[in-house]
Amino acid sequence: MQTKEGEVWRAAYVSFPDGSQIVLTGPEHTHLPDDELRSEAHAEAVRMGLITSMGDWPFVTEAQFWAYLTIGIVTKR
């Protein structure tokens, strides 16, 4: 949905302890049920190389990924 603040959609994203975020799903995924949205976010994190066995910043381990994964509303300005 387009608003005066920008494009707004329901997305899956990783929210790090320092407050930074990486949005992993786009507006085209907004209709997916939560489980499918999480699966798509995981697939994108793997494609982009975000998940590693060491988890050194800016990467995360598999366990960290699932702990930091959030579904919510995002805005792209």
N, C-alpha and C. Protein backbone atom coordinates (compact mmCIF):
# COMPACT_ATOMS: atom_id res chain seq x y z
N MET A 1 0.84 -1.16 0.00
CA MET A 1 0.00 0.00 0.00
C MET A 1 0.90 1.24 0.00
N GLN A 2 0.56 2.20 -0.78
CA GLN A 2 1.32 3.45 -0.87
C GLN A 2 0.67 4.49 0.04
N THR A 3 1.47 5.11 0.88
CA THR A 3 0.99 6.21 1.73
C THR A 3 1.90 7.41 1.50
N LYS A 4 1.60 8.53 2.12
CA LYS A 4 2.46 9.70 1.94
C LYS A 4 3.83 9.48 2.59
N GLU A 5 3.93 8.52 3.53
CA GLU A 5 5.21 8.20 4.15
C GLU A 5 6.05 7.25 3.29
N GLY A 6 5.42 6.58 2.34
CA GLY A 6 6.11 5.63 1.48
C GLY A 6 5.28 4.37 1.30
N GLU A 7 5.92 3.33 0.79
CA GLU A 7 5.23 2.06 0.59
C GLU A 7 5.22 1.28 1.90
N VAL A 8 4.06 0.76 2.28
CA VAL A 8 3.87 0.05 3.54
C VAL A 8 3.38 -1.36 3.24
N TRP A 9 3.98 -2.37 3.91
CA TRP A 9 3.51 -3.74 3.73
C TRP A 9 3.87 -4.60 4.93
N ARG A 10 3.20 -5.73 5.05
CA ARG A 10 3.48 -6.74 6.07
C ARG A 10 4.67 -7.54 5.57
N ALA A 11 5.70 -7.66 6.41
CA ALA A 11 6.93 -8.30 5.98
C ALA A 11 7.56 -9.10 7.11
N ALA A 12 8.51 -9.95 6.72
CA ALA A 12 9.36 -10.64 7.68
C ALA A 12 10.73 -9.96 7.63
N TYR A 13 11.28 -9.70 8.79
CA TYR A 13 12.57 -9.04 8.85
C TYR A 13 13.33 -9.50 10.08
N VAL A 14 14.65 -9.37 10.01
CA VAL A 14 15.51 -9.67 11.14
C VAL A 14 15.74 -8.37 11.89
N SER A 15 15.44 -8.37 13.18
CA SER A 15 15.62 -7.20 14.03
C SER A 15 16.74 -7.51 15.01
N PHE A 16 17.89 -6.87 14.82
CA PHE A 16 19.09 -7.15 15.62
C PHE A 16 19.03 -6.45 16.98
N PRO A 17 19.79 -6.95 17.96
CA PRO A 17 19.79 -6.34 19.30
C PRO A 17 20.18 -4.86 19.29
N ASP A 18 20.97 -4.42 18.31
CA ASP A 18 21.37 -3.01 18.26
C ASP A 18 20.29 -2.11 17.64
N GLY A 19 19.15 -2.71 17.25
CA GLY A 19 18.05 -1.94 16.68
C GLY A 19 18.02 -1.91 15.16
N SER A 20 19.09 -2.36 14.52
CA SER A 20 19.09 -2.39 13.06
C SER A 20 18.21 -3.53 12.55
N GLN A 21 17.77 -3.40 11.31
CA GLN A 21 16.87 -4.41 10.72
C GLN A 21 17.26 -4.67 9.28
N ILE A 22 16.99 -5.90 8.85
CA ILE A 22 17.11 -6.27 7.44
C ILE A 22 15.77 -6.86 7.02
N VAL A 23 15.09 -6.19 6.10
CA VAL A 23 13.80 -6.67 5.60
C VAL A 23 14.09 -7.77 4.57
N LEU A 24 13.44 -8.91 4.75
CA LEU A 24 13.72 -10.08 3.93
C LEU A 24 12.61 -10.45 2.95
N THR A 25 11.44 -9.87 3.10
CA THR A 25 10.34 -10.15 2.18
C THR A 25 9.76 -8.84 1.65
N GLY A 26 9.26 -8.90 0.43
CA GLY A 26 8.73 -7.71 -0.21
C GLY A 26 7.22 -7.68 -0.23
N PRO A 27 6.68 -6.63 -0.82
CA PRO A 27 5.22 -6.47 -0.90
C PRO A 27 4.54 -7.65 -1.60
N GLU A 28 5.26 -8.32 -2.49
CA GLU A 28 4.67 -9.45 -3.21
C GLU A 28 4.43 -10.66 -2.30
N HIS A 29 4.97 -10.64 -1.07
CA HIS A 29 4.80 -11.75 -0.13
C HIS A 29 3.78 -11.45 0.96
N THR A 30 3.24 -10.27 0.96
CA THR A 30 2.36 -9.80 2.04
C THR A 30 1.16 -10.72 2.29
N HIS A 31 0.68 -11.38 1.26
CA HIS A 31 -0.51 -12.23 1.38
C HIS A 31 -0.22 -13.59 2.01
N LEU A 32 1.05 -13.95 2.15
CA LEU A 32 1.40 -15.29 2.65
C LEU A 32 1.04 -15.45 4.13
N PRO A 33 0.61 -16.64 4.51
CA PRO A 33 0.41 -16.93 5.95
C PRO A 33 1.76 -16.80 6.67
N ASP A 34 1.74 -16.61 7.98
CA ASP A 34 2.97 -16.40 8.75
C ASP A 34 4.03 -17.48 8.51
N ASP A 35 3.64 -18.75 8.52
CA ASP A 35 4.63 -19.83 8.33
C ASP A 35 5.32 -19.73 6.98
N GLU A 36 4.56 -19.42 5.94
CA GLU A 36 5.14 -19.29 4.60
C GLU A 36 5.99 -18.02 4.50
N LEU A 37 5.58 -16.98 5.17
CA LEU A 37 6.37 -15.74 5.18
C LEU A 37 7.71 -15.99 5.88
N ARG A 38 7.69 -16.73 6.98
CA ARG A 38 8.94 -17.09 7.67
C ARG A 38 9.83 -17.95 6.77
N SER A 39 9.24 -18.90 6.07
CA SER A 39 10.01 -19.75 5.15
C SER A 39 10.64 -18.93 4.04
N GLU A 40 9.90 -17.99 3.47
CA GLU A 40 10.44 -17.13 2.42
C GLU A 40 11.57 -16.26 2.96
N ALA A 41 11.40 -15.74 4.17
CA ALA A 41 12.45 -14.94 4.79
C ALA A 41 13.71 -15.77 5.01
N HIS A 42 13.55 -17.00 5.45
CA HIS A 42 14.70 -17.88 5.66
C HIS A 42 15.40 -18.15 4.33
N ALA A 43 14.63 -18.44 3.30
CA ALA A 43 15.22 -18.70 1.97
C ALA A 43 16.00 -17.47 1.49
N GLU A 44 15.46 -16.29 1.70
CA GLU A 44 16.16 -15.06 1.28
C GLU A 44 17.42 -14.85 2.10
N ALA A 45 17.37 -15.13 3.39
CA ALA A 45 18.56 -14.99 4.25
C ALA A 45 19.67 -15.94 3.79
N VAL A 46 19.29 -17.15 3.39
CA VAL A 46 20.26 -18.11 2.86
C VAL A 46 20.83 -17.60 1.53
N ARG A 47 19.96 -17.13 0.65
CA ARG A 47 20.41 -16.61 -0.66
C ARG A 47 21.40 -15.47 -0.50
N MET A 48 21.16 -14.61 0.47
CA MET A 48 22.03 -13.44 0.63
C MET A 48 23.24 -13.72 1.50
N GLY A 49 23.35 -14.94 2.04
CA GLY A 49 24.50 -15.32 2.84
C GLY A 49 24.49 -14.76 4.26
N LEU A 50 23.31 -14.42 4.76
CA LEU A 50 23.18 -13.84 6.09
C LEU A 50 23.44 -14.87 7.20
N ILE A 51 23.08 -16.12 6.95
CA ILE A 51 23.19 -17.16 7.97
C ILE A 51 24.52 -17.90 7.80
N THR A 52 25.32 -17.93 8.88
CA THR A 52 26.61 -18.65 8.87
C THR A 52 26.72 -19.47 10.14
N SER A 53 27.70 -20.33 10.20
CA SER A 53 27.89 -21.15 11.40
C SER A 53 28.53 -20.36 12.53
N MET A 54 29.26 -19.29 12.20
CA MET A 54 29.96 -18.51 13.22
C MET A 54 29.10 -17.40 13.82
N GLY A 55 28.26 -16.77 13.01
CA GLY A 55 27.39 -15.72 13.51
C GLY A 55 28.10 -14.40 13.79
N ASP A 56 29.29 -14.20 13.22
CA ASP A 56 30.00 -12.93 13.42
C ASP A 56 29.31 -11.82 12.63
N TRP A 57 29.13 -10.66 13.28
CA TRP A 57 28.47 -9.53 12.66
C TRP A 57 29.08 -9.24 11.30
N PRO A 58 28.31 -9.02 10.25
CA PRO A 58 26.87 -8.80 10.21
C PRO A 58 26.09 -10.08 9.92
N PHE A 59 26.65 -11.21 10.21
CA PHE A 59 26.00 -12.49 9.94
C PHE A 59 25.37 -13.03 11.22
N VAL A 60 24.48 -14.01 11.07
CA VAL A 60 23.83 -14.64 12.22
C VAL A 60 23.89 -16.15 12.08
N THR A 61 23.83 -16.83 13.21
CA THR A 61 23.70 -18.28 13.17
C THR A 61 22.24 -18.62 12.88
N GLU A 62 21.98 -19.87 12.62
CA GLU A 62 20.61 -20.33 12.39
C GLU A 62 19.73 -20.01 13.60
N ALA A 63 20.23 -20.28 14.80
CA ALA A 63 19.46 -20.03 16.03
C ALA A 63 19.19 -18.53 16.20
N GLN A 64 20.20 -17.69 15.94
CA GLN A 64 20.01 -16.25 16.03
C GLN A 64 18.97 -15.77 15.02
N PHE A 65 19.05 -16.32 13.80
CA PHE A 65 18.09 -15.92 12.78
C PHE A 65 16.66 -16.11 13.27
N TRP A 66 16.36 -17.30 13.78
CA TRP A 66 14.99 -17.58 14.22
C TRP A 66 14.61 -16.74 15.44
N ALA A 67 15.59 -16.45 16.30
CA ALA A 67 15.31 -15.62 17.48
C ALA A 67 15.04 -14.17 17.09
N TYR A 68 15.72 -13.66 16.08
CA TYR A 68 15.60 -12.26 15.67
C TYR A 68 14.52 -12.03 14.62
N LEU A 69 14.00 -13.09 14.02
CA LEU A 69 13.01 -12.95 12.95
C LEU A 69 11.70 -12.37 13.50
N THR A 70 11.19 -11.37 12.83
CA THR A 70 9.97 -10.68 13.24
C THR A 70 9.06 -10.53 12.04
N ILE A 71 7.76 -10.60 12.27
CA ILE A 71 6.78 -10.28 11.23
C ILE A 71 6.06 -9.02 11.69
N GLY A 72 6.03 -8.04 10.82
CA GLY A 72 5.39 -6.78 11.17
C GLY A 72 5.20 -5.91 9.94
N ILE A 73 4.84 -4.68 10.19
CA ILE A 73 4.61 -3.71 9.13
C ILE A 73 5.89 -2.91 8.91
N VAL A 74 6.30 -2.79 7.66
CA VAL A 74 7.48 -1.99 7.32
C VAL A 74 7.09 -0.89 6.34
N THR A 75 7.89 0.16 6.32
CA THR A 75 7.68 1.27 5.41
C THR A 75 8.96 1.54 4.66
N LYS A 76 8.87 1.61 3.34
CA LYS A 76 10.00 1.97 2.49
C LYS A 76 9.75 3.37 1.98
N ARG A 77 10.63 4.28 2.31
CA ARG A 77 10.46 5.69 1.91
C ARG A 77 11.09 5.95 0.59
